[in-house]
PDB file of N, CA and C in Angstrom:
ATOM      1  N   MET A   1      80.489 124.992 119.624  1.00  0.00           N
ATOM      2  CA  MET A   1      81.006 123.641 119.355  1.00  0.00           C
ATOM      3  C   MET A   1      81.529 123.615 117.928  1.00  0.00           C
ATOM      4  N   SER A   2      82.692 123.053 117.713  1.00  0.00           N
ATOM      5  CA  SER A   2      83.231 122.873 116.360  1.00  0.00           C
ATOM      6  C   SER A   2      82.500 121.792 115.649  1.00  0.00           C
ATOM      7  N   LYS A   3      82.569 121.822 114.344  1.00  0.00           N
ATOM      8  CA  LYS A   3      81.990 120.771 113.522  1.00  0.00           C
ATOM      9  C   LYS A   3      82.862 119.536 113.443  1.00  0.00           C
ATOM     10  N   SER A   4      82.198 118.397 113.277  1.00  0.00           N
ATOM     11  CA  SER A   4      82.912 117.196 112.868  1.00  0.00           C
ATOM     12  C   SER A   4      83.209 117.308 111.391  1.00  0.00           C
ATOM     13  N   ILE A   5      84.190 116.534 110.924  1.00  0.00           N
ATOM     14  CA  ILE A   5      84.510 116.526 109.491  1.00  0.00           C
ATOM     15  C   ILE A   5      84.333 115.080 108.992  1.00  0.00           C
ATOM     16  N   PHE A   6      83.487 114.888 107.996  1.00  0.00           N
ATOM     17  CA  PHE A   6      83.233 113.600 107.392  1.00  0.00           C
ATOM     18  C   PHE A   6      83.957 113.546 106.086  1.00  0.00           C
ATOM     19  N   TYR A   7      84.944 112.660 105.983  1.00  0.00           N
ATOM     20  CA  TYR A   7      85.696 112.476 104.776  1.00  0.00           C
ATOM     21  C   TYR A   7      85.162 111.255 104.037  1.00  0.00           C
ATOM     22  N   HIS A   8      85.053 111.371 102.723  1.00  0.00           N
ATOM     23  CA  HIS A   8      84.607 110.251 101.903  1.00  0.00           C
ATOM     24  C   HIS A   8      85.137 110.381 100.500  1.00  0.00           C
ATOM     25  N   ALA A   9      84.937 109.302  99.707  1.00  0.00           N
ATOM     26  CA  ALA A   9      85.447 109.245  98.339  1.00  0.00           C
ATOM     27  C   ALA A   9      84.348 109.133  97.270  1.00  0.00           C
ATOM     28  N   GLY A  10      83.123 109.204  97.719  1.00  0.00           N
ATOM     29  CA  GLY A  10      82.009 109.193  96.748  1.00  0.00           C
ATOM     30  C   GLY A  10      81.475 107.844  96.354  1.00  0.00           C
ATOM     31  N   CYS A  11      82.071 106.757  96.913  1.00  0.00           N
ATOM     32  CA  CYS A  11      81.588 105.414  96.602  1.00  0.00           C
ATOM     33  C   CYS A  11      80.236 105.144  97.284  1.00  0.00           C
ATOM     34  N   PRO A  12      79.523 104.094  96.882  1.00  0.00           N
ATOM     35  CA  PRO A  12      78.202 103.847  97.486  1.00  0.00           C
ATOM     36  C   PRO A  12      78.267 103.677  99.036  1.00  0.00           C
ATOM     37  N   VAL A  13      79.342 103.023  99.524  1.00  0.00           N
ATOM     38  CA  VAL A  13      79.484 102.848 101.009  1.00  0.00           C
ATOM     39  C   VAL A  13      79.601 104.213 101.614  1.00  0.00           C
ATOM     40  N   CYS A  14      80.407 105.123 101.023  1.00  0.00           N
ATOM     41  CA  CYS A  14      80.616 106.425 101.611  1.00  0.00           C
ATOM     42  C   CYS A  14      79.351 107.293 101.570  1.00  0.00           C
ATOM     43  N   ILE A  15      78.614 107.255 100.477  1.00  0.00           N
ATOM     44  CA  ILE A  15      77.407 108.029 100.316  1.00  0.00           C
ATOM     45  C   ILE A  15      76.356 107.587 101.309  1.00  0.00           C
ATOM     46  N   SER A  16      76.228 106.276 101.494  1.00  0.00           N
ATOM     47  CA  SER A  16      75.318 105.718 102.483  1.00  0.00           C
ATOM     48  C   SER A  16      75.688 106.206 103.910  1.00  0.00           C
ATOM     49  N   ALA A  17      76.988 106.143 104.243  1.00  0.00           N
ATOM     50  CA  ALA A  17      77.428 106.581 105.545  1.00  0.00           C
ATOM     51  C   ALA A  17      77.212 108.085 105.724  1.00  0.00           C
ATOM     52  N   GLU A  18      77.440 108.862 104.653  1.00  0.00           N
ATOM     53  CA  GLU A  18      77.191 110.316 104.732  1.00  0.00           C
ATOM     54  C   GLU A  18      75.739 110.610 105.086  1.00  0.00           C
ATOM     55  N   HIS A  19      74.799 109.931 104.473  1.00  0.00           N
ATOM     56  CA  HIS A  19      73.410 110.162 104.774  1.00  0.00           C
ATOM     57  C   HIS A  19      73.118 109.841 106.214  1.00  0.00           C
ATOM     58  N   ASP A  20      73.658 108.723 106.725  1.00  0.00           N
ATOM     59  CA  ASP A  20      73.422 108.311 108.076  1.00  0.00           C
ATOM     60  C   ASP A  20      74.029 109.314 109.058  1.00  0.00           C
ATOM     61  N   ILE A  21      75.265 109.754 108.833  1.00  0.00           N
ATOM     62  CA  ILE A  21      75.928 110.763 109.694  1.00  0.00           C
ATOM     63  C   ILE A  21      75.130 112.035 109.743  1.00  0.00           C
ATOM     64  N   VAL A  22      74.714 112.529 108.607  1.00  0.00           N
ATOM     65  CA  VAL A  22      73.921 113.784 108.554  1.00  0.00           C
ATOM     66  C   VAL A  22      72.611 113.595 109.322  1.00  0.00           C
ATOM     67  N   SER A  23      71.965 112.440 109.160  1.00  0.00           N
ATOM     68  CA  SER A  23      70.751 112.148 109.853  1.00  0.00           C
ATOM     69  C   SER A  23      70.948 112.108 111.340  1.00  0.00           C
ATOM     70  N   LEU A  24      72.068 111.531 111.784  1.00  0.00           N
ATOM     71  CA  LEU A  24      72.346 111.381 113.196  1.00  0.00           C
ATOM     72  C   LEU A  24      72.757 112.651 113.924  1.00  0.00           C
ATOM     73  N   ILE A  25      73.642 113.451 113.290  1.00  0.00           N
ATOM     74  CA  ILE A  25      74.203 114.566 114.010  1.00  0.00           C
ATOM     75  C   ILE A  25      73.757 115.932 113.418  1.00  0.00           C
ATOM     76  N   GLY A  26      73.116 115.914 112.275  1.00  0.00           N
ATOM     77  CA  GLY A  26      72.611 117.169 111.658  1.00  0.00           C
ATOM     78  C   GLY A  26      73.620 117.753 110.744  1.00  0.00           C
ATOM     79  N   ALA A  27      73.135 118.280 109.612  1.00  0.00           N
ATOM     80  CA  ALA A  27      73.979 118.859 108.575  1.00  0.00           C
ATOM     81  C   ALA A  27      74.728 120.071 109.093  1.00  0.00           C
ATOM     82  N   GLU A  28      74.150 120.767 110.047  1.00  0.00           N
ATOM     83  CA  GLU A  28      74.811 121.962 110.599  1.00  0.00           C
ATOM     84  C   GLU A  28      75.990 121.631 111.527  1.00  0.00           C
ATOM     85  N   ASN A  29      76.160 120.379 111.861  1.00  0.00           N
ATOM     86  CA  ASN A  29      77.186 119.954 112.805  1.00  0.00           C
ATOM     87  C   ASN A  29      78.341 119.202 112.126  1.00  0.00           C
ATOM     88  N   VAL A  30      78.261 119.082 110.780  1.00  0.00           N
ATOM     89  CA  VAL A  30      79.290 118.283 110.078  1.00  0.00           C
ATOM     90  C   VAL A  30      79.660 118.930 108.747  1.00  0.00           C
ATOM     91  N   GLU A  31      81.009 118.979 108.512  1.00  0.00           N
ATOM     92  CA  GLU A  31      81.500 119.427 107.243  1.00  0.00           C
ATOM     93  C   GLU A  31      81.781 118.176 106.398  1.00  0.00           C
ATOM     94  N   ILE A  32      81.228 118.134 105.180  1.00  0.00           N
ATOM     95  CA  ILE A  32      81.416 116.992 104.303  1.00  0.00           C
ATOM     96  C   ILE A  32      82.567 117.296 103.336  1.00  0.00           C
ATOM     97  N   VAL A  33      83.527 116.387 103.293  1.00  0.00           N
ATOM     98  CA  VAL A  33      84.696 116.572 102.365  1.00  0.00           C
ATOM     99  C   VAL A  33      84.787 115.358 101.513  1.00  0.00           C
ATOM    100  N   HIS A  34      84.532 115.544 100.236  1.00  0.00           N
ATOM    101  CA  HIS A  34      84.650 114.519  99.198  1.00  0.00           C
ATOM    102  C   HIS A  34      86.081 114.555  98.658  1.00  0.00           C
ATOM    103  N   LEU A  35      86.891 113.585  99.048  1.00  0.00           N
ATOM    104  CA  LEU A  35      88.323 113.611  98.713  1.00  0.00           C
ATOM    105  C   LEU A  35      88.561 113.426  97.233  1.00  0.00           C
ATOM    106  N   GLY A  36      87.637 112.798  96.512  1.00  0.00           N
ATOM    107  CA  GLY A  36      87.797 112.671  95.082  1.00  0.00           C
ATOM    108  C   GLY A  36      87.684 114.009  94.390  1.00  0.00           C
ATOM    109  N   ASP A  37      86.782 114.840  94.890  1.00  0.00           N
ATOM    110  CA  ASP A  37      86.612 116.185  94.340  1.00  0.00           C
ATOM    111  C   ASP A  37      87.579 117.189  94.885  1.00  0.00           C
ATOM    112  N   ASN A  38      88.152 116.880  96.084  1.00  0.00           N
ATOM    113  CA  ASN A  38      89.042 117.781  96.782  1.00  0.00           C
ATOM    114  C   ASN A  38      90.310 117.079  97.204  1.00  0.00           C
ATOM    115  N   PRO A  39      91.129 116.629  96.243  1.00  0.00           N
ATOM    116  CA  PRO A  39      92.318 115.847  96.584  1.00  0.00           C
ATOM    117  C   PRO A  39      93.341 116.640  97.450  1.00  0.00           C
ATOM    118  N   GLY A  40      93.228 117.960  97.416  1.00  0.00           N
ATOM    119  CA  GLY A  40      94.076 118.765  98.273  1.00  0.00           C
ATOM    120  C   GLY A  40      93.824 118.575  99.736  1.00  0.00           C
ATOM    121  N   SER A  41      92.714 117.966 100.074  1.00  0.00           N
ATOM    122  CA  SER A  41      92.334 117.753 101.472  1.00  0.00           C
ATOM    123  C   SER A  41      92.846 116.380 102.014  1.00  0.00           C
ATOM    124  N   ILE A  42      93.461 115.569 101.138  1.00  0.00           N
ATOM    125  CA  ILE A  42      93.949 114.257 101.534  1.00  0.00           C
ATOM    126  C   ILE A  42      94.997 114.387 102.655  1.00  0.00           C
ATOM    127  N   GLU A  43      95.939 115.310 102.466  1.00  0.00           N
ATOM    128  CA  GLU A  43      97.008 115.511 103.442  1.00  0.00           C
ATOM    129  C   GLU A  43      96.408 115.885 104.855  1.00  0.00           C
ATOM    130  N   LYS A  44      95.467 116.819 104.848  1.00  0.00           N
ATOM    131  CA  LYS A  44      94.847 117.261 106.107  1.00  0.00           C
ATOM    132  C   LYS A  44      94.154 116.042 106.778  1.00  0.00           C
ATOM    133  N   ALA A  45      93.413 115.250 105.970  1.00  0.00           N
ATOM    134  CA  ALA A  45      92.744 114.053 106.514  1.00  0.00           C
ATOM    135  C   ALA A  45      93.756 113.100 107.126  1.00  0.00           C
ATOM    136  N   GLU A  46      94.835 112.863 106.409  1.00  0.00           N
ATOM    137  CA  GLU A  46      95.863 111.954 106.931  1.00  0.00           C
ATOM    138  C   GLU A  46      96.506 112.485 108.221  1.00  0.00           C
ATOM    139  N   LYS A  47      96.751 113.783 108.264  1.00  0.00           N
ATOM    140  CA  LYS A  47      97.318 114.365 109.491  1.00  0.00           C
ATOM    141  C   LYS A  47      96.374 114.265 110.678  1.00  0.00           C
ATOM    142  N   SER A  48      95.088 114.235 110.386  1.00  0.00           N
ATOM    143  CA  SER A  48      94.076 114.049 111.420  1.00  0.00           C
ATOM    144  C   SER A  48      94.003 112.580 111.876  1.00  0.00           C
ATOM    145  N   GLY A  49      94.631 111.681 111.140  1.00  0.00           N
ATOM    146  CA  GLY A  49      94.573 110.276 111.513  1.00  0.00           C
ATOM    147  C   GLY A  49      93.712 109.377 110.687  1.00  0.00           C
ATOM    148  N   VAL A  50      93.166 109.945 109.596  1.00  0.00           N
ATOM    149  CA  VAL A  50      92.275 109.158 108.744  1.00  0.00           C
ATOM    150  C   VAL A  50      93.093 108.161 107.966  1.00  0.00           C
ATOM    151  N   LYS A  51      92.797 106.884 108.041  1.00  0.00           N
ATOM    152  CA  LYS A  51      93.498 105.824 107.331  1.00  0.00           C
ATOM    153  C   LYS A  51      92.702 105.299 106.149  1.00  0.00           C
ATOM    154  N   SER A  52      91.347 105.417 106.232  1.00  0.00           N
ATOM    155  CA  SER A  52      90.477 104.966 105.163  1.00  0.00           C
ATOM    156  C   SER A  52      89.209 105.781 105.226  1.00  0.00           C
ATOM    157  N   VAL A  53      88.466 105.745 104.146  1.00  0.00           N
ATOM    158  CA  VAL A  53      87.186 106.454 104.137  1.00  0.00           C
ATOM    159  C   VAL A  53      86.064 105.432 103.880  1.00  0.00           C
ATOM    160  N   PRO A  54      84.910 105.702 104.386  1.00  0.00           N
ATOM    161  CA  PRO A  54      84.464 106.897 105.090  1.00  0.00           C
ATOM    162  C   PRO A  54      84.952 106.966 106.510  1.00  0.00           C
ATOM    163  N   ALA A  55      85.213 108.204 106.967  1.00  0.00           N
ATOM    164  CA  ALA A  55      85.658 108.444 108.319  1.00  0.00           C
ATOM    165  C   ALA A  55      85.152 109.753 108.791  1.00  0.00           C
ATOM    166  N   LEU A  56      84.884 109.788 110.074  1.00  0.00           N
ATOM    167  CA  LEU A  56      84.427 111.019 110.760  1.00  0.00           C
ATOM    168  C   LEU A  56      85.479 111.425 111.759  1.00  0.00           C
ATOM    169  N   VAL A  57      85.923 112.680 111.649  1.00  0.00           N
ATOM    170  CA  VAL A  57      86.832 113.251 112.671  1.00  0.00           C
ATOM    171  C   VAL A  57      85.983 114.144 113.551  1.00  0.00           C
ATOM    172  N   THR A  58      85.961 113.834 114.853  1.00  0.00           N
ATOM    173  CA  THR A  58      85.177 114.577 115.806  1.00  0.00           C
ATOM    174  C   THR A  58      85.829 115.898 116.181  1.00  0.00           C
ATOM    175  N   PRO A  59      85.085 116.819 116.752  1.00  0.00           N
ATOM    176  CA  PRO A  59      85.683 118.094 117.185  1.00  0.00           C
ATOM    177  C   PRO A  59      86.814 117.863 118.209  1.00  0.00           C
ATOM    178  N   GLN A  60      86.850 116.758 118.942  1.00  0.00           N
ATOM    179  CA  GLN A  60      87.895 116.486 119.853  1.00  0.00           C
ATOM    180  C   GLN A  60      89.082 115.843 119.226  1.00  0.00           C
ATOM    181  N   GLY A  61      88.993 115.554 117.897  1.00  0.00           N
ATOM    182  CA  GLY A  61      90.126 114.954 117.208  1.00  0.00           C
ATOM    183  C   GLY A  61      90.100 113.463 117.105  1.00  0.00           C
ATOM    184  N   ASN A  62      89.044 112.830 117.580  1.00  0.00           N
ATOM    185  CA  ASN A  62      88.921 111.383 117.464  1.00  0.00           C
ATOM    186  C   ASN A  62      88.549 111.012 116.004  1.00  0.00           C
ATOM    187  N   VAL A  63      89.144 109.970 115.485  1.00  0.00           N
ATOM    188  CA  VAL A  63      88.773 109.495 114.116  1.00  0.00           C
ATOM    189  C   VAL A  63      87.921 108.253 114.240  1.00  0.00           C
ATOM    190  N   LEU A  64      86.752 108.283 113.643  1.00  0.00           N
ATOM    191  CA  LEU A  64      85.863 107.187 113.638  1.00  0.00           C
ATOM    192  C   LEU A  64      85.849 106.609 112.246  1.00  0.00           C
ATOM    193  N   HIS A  65      86.473 105.500 112.026  1.00  0.00           N
ATOM    194  CA  HIS A  65      86.462 104.853 110.681  1.00  0.00           C
ATOM    195  C   HIS A  65      85.177 104.063 110.569  1.00  0.00           C
ATOM    196  N   ILE A  66      84.433 104.291 109.530  1.00  0.00           N
ATOM    197  CA  ILE A  66      83.105 103.711 109.339  1.00  0.00           C
ATOM    198  C   ILE A  66      83.134 102.769 108.152  1.00  0.00           C
ATOM    199  N   ASN A  67      82.864 101.480 108.448  1.00  0.00           N
ATOM    200  CA  ASN A  67      82.879 100.503 107.390  1.00  0.00           C
ATOM    201  C   ASN A  67      84.192 100.560 106.648  1.00  0.00           C
ATOM    202  N   PHE A  68      84.274 100.277 105.367  1.00  0.00           N
ATOM    203  CA  PHE A  68      85.486 100.448 104.606  1.00  0.00           C
ATOM    204  C   PHE A  68      85.105 100.655 103.147  1.00  0.00           C
ATOM    205  N   GLY A  69      85.470 101.810 102.638  1.00  0.00           N
ATOM    206  CA  GLY A  69      85.228 102.174 101.252  1.00  0.00           C
ATOM    207  C   GLY A  69      86.498 102.150 100.494  1.00  0.00           C
ATOM    208  N   ALA A  70      87.525 102.856 100.939  1.00  0.00           N
ATOM    209  CA  ALA A  70      88.812 102.942 100.251  1.00  0.00           C
ATOM    210  C   ALA A  70      89.898 103.378 101.234  1.00  0.00           C
ATOM    211  N   SER A  71      91.099 102.886 101.013  1.00  0.00           N
ATOM    212  CA  SER A  71      92.199 103.332 101.828  1.00  0.00           C
ATOM    213  C   SER A  71      92.684 104.685 101.298  1.00  0.00           C
ATOM    214  N   MET A  72      93.382 105.436 102.140  1.00  0.00           N
ATOM    215  CA  MET A  72      93.915 106.701 101.715  1.00  0.00           C
ATOM    216  C   MET A  72      94.882 106.504 100.558  1.00  0.00           C
ATOM    217  N   GLU A  73      95.659 105.418 100.583  1.00  0.00           N
ATOM    218  CA  GLU A  73      96.598 105.151  99.479  1.00  0.00           C
ATOM    219  C   GLU A  73      95.888 104.978  98.167  1.00  0.00           C
ATOM    220  N   ASP A  74      94.702 104.377  98.211  1.00  0.00           N
ATOM    221  CA  ASP A  74      93.895 104.215  96.956  1.00  0.00           C
ATOM    222  C   ASP A  74      93.466 105.536  96.394  1.00  0.00           C
ATOM    223  N   LEU A  75      93.301 106.556  97.261  1.00  0.00           N
ATOM    224  CA  LEU A  75      92.870 107.866  96.788  1.00  0.00           C
ATOM    225  C   LEU A  75      93.944 108.717  96.190  1.00  0.00           C
ATOM    226  N   LYS A  76      95.196 108.356  96.487  1.00  0.00           N
ATOM    227  CA  LYS A  76      96.315 109.189  95.995  1.00  0.00           C
ATOM    228  C   LYS A  76      96.576 108.926  94.562  1.00  0.00           C
TER     229      LYS A  76
END
């Protein structure tokens, strides 16, 4: 099984969601991408359909937007 990818920007909303996601699906099943630390990943996230963070992209390509921390435009 492929890993899910959890994109976030490091804000309190994102960090809280990260802890919940890891708790729910396990650290071994998710790749964590901090877009503030890895701005080169913004384009990949957008191509995957991420419109805001925090967001989880499933192995099937579904994007689950979780709460609202920041829009992708805010990260650019």
